[in-house]
């Protein structure tokens, strides 16, 4: 699942770079559509514990929905989380980490776009090469030295800081689409599948080796899951190139694709509300764990998609809520 977020960002770059509107219009149109539903859902998630108290439900219900959250039903605790929204997400709205990232990319995009418009293909390649080198930073800092390329206790902005992060995925999506990189199926199979397998194996066995040692800090446990790493790029790029080649002819499939694409942002924001109940339901089934995971994923997507679709049918209000 690790390519999911990078694919989102690559599609964003492919569709929106270079930005054609002026900065003010772009911010008003794009960021408003992110910020309003983000605030609505962030407030709702953080009010959830307090609402369970109003309904006279047991505090344990909170952990049925949010496994790692502190089951505090007081309004003061909920208010404290709400006041922190401008700074970070809470344990009740973990998935909102991505929305902070997305808002940041949208703020950055008109500025980055000015360079993209005038940069030659060669100059864009130079940026992507430097960005690719930056993907090794998490591993270099963990296994070589914590203070890498000028970073130290008083400076966290190292040598490749300005080429690092998700902006590389933004540019990569734009670069592939604008330069019409159309890799043939044979080449994609011969190169893309091995690349994906290598990326997957690094992610899987890296995670497995770390979790084999008890007491690892969370940063180490999630090291090989980091989105801006070469192994995740090796999985992401073949998927993007393959999906780019698909030609959808069926009207039914087209309607399906349009519907789920329209609901994607709402699905992302609201799915955490249904995750706990879906997991508890599937967990009771006497089937293999892998099948439980697949079934839970399909069930969660179906329920959340249906919920978002219905809310969006409420008209303008529904679209403000779901984005």
Protein backbone atom coordinates (compact mmCIF):
# COMPACT_ATOMS: atom_id res chain seq x y z
CA UNK A 1 0.00 0.00 0.00
CA UNK A 2 2.97 2.36 0.33
CA UNK A 3 2.74 3.73 -3.25
CA UNK A 4 -0.75 5.14 -2.53
CA UNK A 5 0.28 8.56 -1.20
CA UNK A 6 3.11 9.09 -3.74
CA UNK A 7 0.64 8.22 -6.52
CA UNK A 8 -1.77 10.84 -5.17
CA UNK A 9 1.00 13.45 -5.28
CA UNK A 10 2.21 12.39 -8.75
CA UNK A 11 -1.33 12.70 -10.11
CA UNK A 12 -1.58 16.15 -8.49
CA UNK A 13 1.60 17.24 -10.26
CA UNK A 14 0.46 15.72 -13.56
CA UNK A 15 -2.88 17.54 -13.43
CA UNK A 16 -1.97 20.90 -11.87
CA UNK A 17 1.61 21.70 -12.94
CA UNK A 18 2.31 24.20 -14.27
CA UNK A 19 -0.34 26.28 -12.49
CA UNK A 20 -2.27 28.30 -15.06
CA UNK A 21 -4.06 30.71 -12.67
CA UNK A 22 -2.53 33.54 -10.66
CA UNK A 23 -1.61 32.76 -7.06
CA UNK A 24 -4.65 34.41 -5.45
CA UNK A 25 -7.16 32.63 -7.69
CA UNK A 26 -5.40 29.28 -7.30
CA UNK A 27 -5.36 29.56 -3.51
CA UNK A 28 -8.99 30.63 -3.34
CA UNK A 29 -10.19 27.81 -5.60
CA UNK A 30 -7.95 24.94 -4.52
CA UNK A 31 -7.05 25.50 -0.90
CA UNK A 32 -10.58 26.48 0.15
CA UNK A 33 -11.80 23.11 -1.12
CA UNK A 34 -9.25 21.44 1.15
CA UNK A 35 -9.37 23.61 4.25
CA UNK A 36 -13.15 23.77 4.79
CA UNK A 37 -13.82 19.99 4.85
CA UNK A 38 -10.53 19.46 6.69
CA UNK A 39 -11.65 21.77 9.51
CA UNK A 40 -15.16 20.29 9.62
CA UNK A 41 -13.89 16.72 9.93
CA UNK A 42 -11.05 17.59 12.31
CA UNK A 43 -13.54 19.22 14.69
CA UNK A 44 -15.98 16.30 14.40
CA UNK A 45 -13.29 13.70 15.11
CA UNK A 46 -12.05 15.58 18.15
CA UNK A 47 -15.60 16.02 19.49
CA UNK A 48 -16.25 12.28 19.18
CA UNK A 49 -15.12 11.35 22.74
CA UNK A 50 -17.23 14.13 24.26
CA UNK A 51 -20.26 13.02 22.21
CA UNK A 52 -19.92 9.45 23.53
CA UNK A 53 -20.05 10.93 27.03
CA UNK A 54 -23.23 12.87 26.20
CA UNK A 55 -24.77 9.61 24.99
CA UNK A 56 -23.76 7.99 28.29
CA UNK A 57 -21.61 5.40 26.53
CA UNK A 58 -18.68 3.66 28.16
CA UNK A 59 -15.26 5.27 27.56
CA UNK A 60 -14.10 1.93 26.11
CA UNK A 61 -16.25 2.68 23.05
CA UNK A 62 -13.72 5.36 22.10
CA UNK A 63 -10.98 2.76 21.67
CA UNK A 64 -13.26 0.63 19.50
CA UNK A 65 -13.03 3.45 16.96
CA UNK A 66 -9.62 4.94 17.80
CA UNK A 67 -7.35 2.23 19.19
CA UNK A 68 -4.45 4.45 20.32
CA UNK A 69 -6.41 7.42 21.67
CA UNK A 70 -6.78 8.41 25.30
CA UNK A 71 -10.45 7.64 26.25
CA UNK A 72 -11.19 11.04 27.83
CA UNK A 73 -14.84 12.09 27.47
CA UNK A 74 -14.47 15.58 28.91
CA UNK A 75 -15.27 18.64 26.79
CA UNK A 76 -12.03 20.25 27.97
CA UNK A 77 -9.99 17.45 26.40
CA UNK A 78 -11.90 17.72 23.10
CA UNK A 79 -11.54 21.50 23.11
CA UNK A 80 -7.81 21.15 23.70
CA UNK A 81 -7.49 18.90 20.62
CA UNK A 82 -9.57 21.34 18.55
CA UNK A 83 -7.37 24.28 19.55
CA UNK A 84 -4.36 22.29 18.38
CA UNK A 85 -5.75 21.79 14.85
CA UNK A 86 -3.74 24.72 13.39
CA UNK A 87 -0.59 22.98 14.63
CA UNK A 88 -1.11 19.23 14.24
CA UNK A 89 -3.57 16.34 14.16
CA UNK A 90 -4.67 14.37 17.22
CA UNK A 91 -4.97 10.62 17.84
CA UNK A 92 -8.63 10.95 16.78
CA UNK A 93 -7.76 12.32 13.33
CA UNK A 94 -4.55 10.51 12.41
CA UNK A 95 -5.31 10.44 8.68
CA UNK A 96 -5.30 14.24 8.61
CA UNK A 97 -1.49 14.18 8.48
CA UNK A 98 -1.89 13.89 4.72
CA UNK A 99 -4.18 16.91 4.47
CA UNK A 100 -1.58 19.11 6.20
CA UNK A 101 0.89 17.82 3.62
CA UNK A 102 -1.54 18.44 0.75
CA UNK A 103 -2.30 22.00 1.85
CA UNK A 104 1.44 22.63 2.03
CA UNK A 105 1.95 21.31 -1.50
CA UNK A 106 -0.88 23.53 -2.77
CA UNK A 107 0.69 26.56 -1.08
CA UNK A 108 4.03 25.68 -2.65
CA UNK A 109 2.72 24.84 -6.12
CA UNK A 110 2.34 28.33 -7.66
CA UNK A 111 5.88 29.18 -6.51
CA UNK A 112 7.31 25.90 -7.82
CA UNK A 113 5.27 26.30 -11.01
CA UNK A 114 7.12 29.49 -11.96
CA UNK A 115 10.32 27.45 -12.19
CA UNK A 116 8.65 24.49 -13.89
CA UNK A 117 7.30 26.74 -16.66
CA UNK A 118 10.70 28.02 -17.71
CA UNK A 119 12.87 25.00 -16.81
CA UNK A 120 14.15 22.88 -19.67
CA UNK A 121 13.77 19.11 -19.72
CA UNK A 122 17.45 18.79 -18.78
CA UNK A 123 17.03 21.13 -15.80
CA UNK A 124 14.03 19.16 -14.58
CA UNK A 125 16.10 15.98 -14.86
CA UNK A 126 18.83 17.54 -12.70
CA UNK A 127 16.24 18.35 -10.03
CA UNK A 128 14.85 14.79 -10.16
CA UNK A 129 18.35 13.28 -9.88
CA UNK A 130 19.11 15.37 -6.78
CA UNK A 131 15.70 14.47 -5.38
CA UNK A 132 16.42 10.78 -5.98
CA UNK A 133 19.65 11.06 -3.99
CA UNK A 134 17.67 12.71 -1.18
CA UNK A 135 15.46 9.60 -0.95
CA UNK A 136 18.36 7.79 0.73
CA UNK A 137 18.50 10.32 3.59
CA UNK A 138 16.31 8.31 6.05
CA UNK A 139 18.63 5.29 5.72
CA UNK A 140 21.86 7.30 5.74
CA UNK A 141 20.78 9.08 8.93
CA UNK A 142 19.80 5.82 10.59
CA UNK A 143 22.70 3.60 9.57
CA UNK A 144 25.55 6.03 8.80
CA UNK A 145 25.29 9.26 10.78
CA UNK A 146 22.51 11.25 12.43
CA UNK A 147 24.15 14.52 11.41
CA UNK A 148 24.16 14.27 7.63
CA UNK A 149 25.34 16.89 5.10
CA UNK A 150 25.46 19.80 7.51
CA UNK A 151 22.59 18.90 9.81
CA UNK A 152 23.34 19.14 13.51
CA UNK A 153 21.74 20.11 16.80
CA UNK A 154 21.30 23.73 15.63
CA UNK A 155 20.51 23.08 11.95
CA UNK A 156 17.98 20.64 10.48
CA UNK A 157 18.22 22.00 6.91
CA UNK A 158 20.94 19.95 5.25
CA UNK A 159 22.57 19.90 1.82
CA UNK A 160 19.66 18.39 -0.13
CA UNK A 161 16.84 19.70 2.06
CA UNK A 162 15.58 21.99 -0.72
CA UNK A 163 15.39 19.10 -3.20
CA UNK A 164 13.85 16.60 -0.78
CA UNK A 165 10.31 15.59 0.05
CA UNK A 166 7.06 15.18 -1.85
CA UNK A 167 7.80 18.01 -4.30
CA UNK A 168 9.90 15.44 -6.18
CA UNK A 169 6.80 13.29 -6.72
CA UNK A 170 4.97 16.43 -7.89
CA UNK A 171 7.61 17.14 -10.52
CA UNK A 172 7.94 13.48 -11.50
CA UNK A 173 4.22 13.23 -12.29
CA UNK A 174 4.38 16.42 -14.37
CA UNK A 175 7.60 15.32 -16.11
CA UNK A 176 6.21 11.93 -17.20
CA UNK A 177 2.95 13.36 -18.56
CA UNK A 178 4.33 16.52 -20.18
CA UNK A 179 7.13 14.64 -21.94
CA UNK A 180 4.77 11.86 -23.01
CA UNK A 181 6.91 9.08 -21.60
CA UNK A 182 5.11 6.10 -23.05
CA UNK A 183 6.98 2.96 -22.03
CA UNK A 184 5.95 -0.12 -24.03
CA UNK A 185 4.29 -3.00 -22.24
CA UNK A 186 7.22 -5.35 -22.90
CA UNK A 187 9.72 -2.90 -21.44
CA UNK A 188 7.40 -2.14 -18.56
CA UNK A 189 7.09 -5.85 -17.75
CA UNK A 190 10.85 -6.48 -18.06
CA UNK A 191 11.89 -3.45 -15.99
CA UNK A 192 8.82 -2.36 -14.04
CA UNK A 193 7.94 -5.70 -12.42
CA UNK A 194 11.50 -6.37 -11.15
CA UNK A 195 11.69 -2.77 -9.90
CA UNK A 196 8.41 -3.20 -8.01
CA UNK A 197 9.53 -6.54 -6.56
CA UNK A 198 12.84 -5.07 -5.37
CA UNK A 199 11.06 -2.10 -3.77
CA UNK A 200 8.51 -4.38 -2.15
CA UNK A 201 11.16 -6.76 -0.78
CA UNK A 202 13.17 -3.89 0.75
CA UNK A 203 10.01 -2.56 2.40
CA UNK A 204 8.76 -5.96 3.57
CA UNK A 205 12.00 -7.54 4.79
CA UNK A 206 13.27 -4.26 6.22
CA UNK A 207 10.11 -3.97 8.31
CA UNK A 208 10.27 -7.66 9.24
CA UNK A 209 13.89 -7.43 10.41
CA UNK A 210 13.20 -4.36 12.54
CA UNK A 211 10.08 -5.76 14.21
CA UNK A 212 11.92 -9.02 14.97
CA UNK A 213 13.75 -7.07 17.69
CA UNK A 214 11.44 -6.20 20.63
CA UNK A 215 11.29 -2.67 22.01
CA UNK A 216 12.11 -0.78 18.82
CA UNK A 217 11.11 2.93 18.79
CA UNK A 218 8.25 3.81 16.44
CA UNK A 219 10.61 5.78 14.17
CA UNK A 220 12.64 2.63 13.58
CA UNK A 221 9.58 0.40 13.13
CA UNK A 222 8.28 2.69 10.38
CA UNK A 223 11.66 3.44 8.78
CA UNK A 224 11.13 1.18 5.76
CA UNK A 225 7.58 2.52 5.36
CA UNK A 226 8.80 6.07 4.74
CA UNK A 227 7.21 7.45 1.56
CA UNK A 228 10.22 9.44 0.40
CA UNK A 229 12.59 6.48 0.07
CA UNK A 230 13.99 4.69 -3.00
CA UNK A 231 12.13 1.45 -2.25
CA UNK A 232 8.74 3.19 -2.27
CA UNK A 233 9.67 5.03 -5.48
CA UNK A 234 10.56 1.67 -7.09
CA UNK A 235 7.02 0.48 -6.34
CA UNK A 236 5.28 3.73 -7.26
CA UNK A 237 6.81 4.48 -10.66
CA UNK A 238 5.86 1.22 -12.43
CA UNK A 239 2.27 1.53 -11.19
CA UNK A 240 2.00 5.12 -12.48
CA UNK A 241 3.44 4.17 -15.88
CA UNK A 242 1.16 1.14 -16.17
CA UNK A 243 -2.01 3.02 -15.21
CA UNK A 244 -1.08 5.78 -17.64
CA UNK A 245 -1.25 3.25 -20.49
CA UNK A 246 -4.69 1.92 -19.61
CA UNK A 247 -7.49 2.90 -21.98
CA UNK A 248 -10.95 2.67 -20.45
CA UNK A 249 -13.63 2.07 -23.05
CA UNK A 250 -16.48 0.65 -20.97
CA UNK A 251 -19.08 3.32 -19.97
CA UNK A 252 -19.76 1.39 -16.75
CA UNK A 253 -16.10 1.38 -15.74
CA UNK A 254 -15.82 5.07 -16.66
CA UNK A 255 -18.77 5.95 -14.42
CA UNK A 256 -17.26 3.84 -11.64
CA UNK A 257 -13.89 5.61 -12.01
CA UNK A 258 -15.45 9.08 -12.06
CA UNK A 259 -17.62 8.34 -9.03
CA UNK A 260 -14.85 6.99 -6.84
CA UNK A 261 -12.44 9.72 -8.00
CA UNK A 262 -14.94 12.42 -7.08
CA UNK A 263 -15.40 10.87 -3.64
CA UNK A 264 -11.70 10.22 -2.97
CA UNK A 265 -11.01 13.19 -0.69
CA UNK A 266 -14.14 12.54 1.35
CA UNK A 267 -13.24 8.85 1.62
CA UNK A 268 -9.80 9.75 2.92
CA UNK A 269 -11.16 12.09 5.59
CA UNK A 270 -14.06 9.97 6.81
CA UNK A 271 -12.73 6.41 6.53
CA UNK A 272 -11.15 6.45 9.99
CA UNK A 273 -14.62 6.70 11.50
CA UNK A 274 -15.56 3.31 10.04
CA UNK A 275 -12.20 1.54 10.35
CA UNK A 276 -12.67 0.28 13.93
CA UNK A 277 -16.17 -1.19 13.42
CA UNK A 278 -15.16 -2.81 10.10
CA UNK A 279 -12.11 -4.35 11.74
CA UNK A 280 -14.12 -5.70 14.69
CA UNK A 281 -16.66 -7.26 12.35
CA UNK A 282 -14.07 -8.95 10.12
CA UNK A 283 -11.88 -10.00 13.08
CA UNK A 284 -14.65 -12.34 14.27
CA UNK A 285 -14.57 -14.35 11.02
CA UNK A 286 -12.75 -17.73 11.18
CA UNK A 287 -10.49 -17.03 8.18
CA UNK A 288 -6.78 -16.42 7.55
CA UNK A 289 -5.38 -13.05 8.66
CA UNK A 290 -4.46 -12.06 5.08
CA UNK A 291 -8.04 -12.69 3.94
CA UNK A 292 -9.28 -10.65 6.90
CA UNK A 293 -7.10 -7.74 5.81
CA UNK A 294 -8.37 -7.88 2.23
CA UNK A 295 -11.99 -8.26 3.32
CA UNK A 296 -11.67 -5.41 5.83
CA UNK A 297 -10.16 -3.15 3.16
CA UNK A 298 -12.93 -3.88 0.65
CA UNK A 299 -15.64 -3.48 3.30
CA UNK A 300 -14.15 -0.22 4.59
CA UNK A 301 -13.87 1.24 1.08
CA UNK A 302 -17.43 0.20 0.18
CA UNK A 303 -19.00 1.60 3.36
CA UNK A 304 -17.05 4.85 3.25
CA UNK A 305 -17.60 5.36 -0.47
CA UNK A 306 -21.34 4.85 -0.03
CA UNK A 307 -21.40 7.28 2.90
CA UNK A 308 -19.48 9.97 1.00
CA UNK A 309 -21.62 9.48 -2.12
CA UNK A 310 -24.84 9.99 -0.14
CA UNK A 311 -23.53 13.09 1.68
CA UNK A 312 -22.33 14.66 -1.58
CA UNK A 313 -25.86 14.22 -2.96
CA UNK A 314 -27.04 16.80 -0.40
CA UNK A 315 -25.90 19.47 -2.83
CA UNK A 316 -23.61 22.38 -2.05
CA UNK A 317 -23.53 21.61 1.68
CA UNK A 318 -22.57 18.00 1.03
CA UNK A 319 -19.73 19.06 -1.27
CA UNK A 320 -18.43 21.52 1.32
CA UNK A 321 -18.39 18.73 3.89
CA UNK A 322 -16.70 16.16 1.66
CA UNK A 323 -14.59 18.37 -0.58
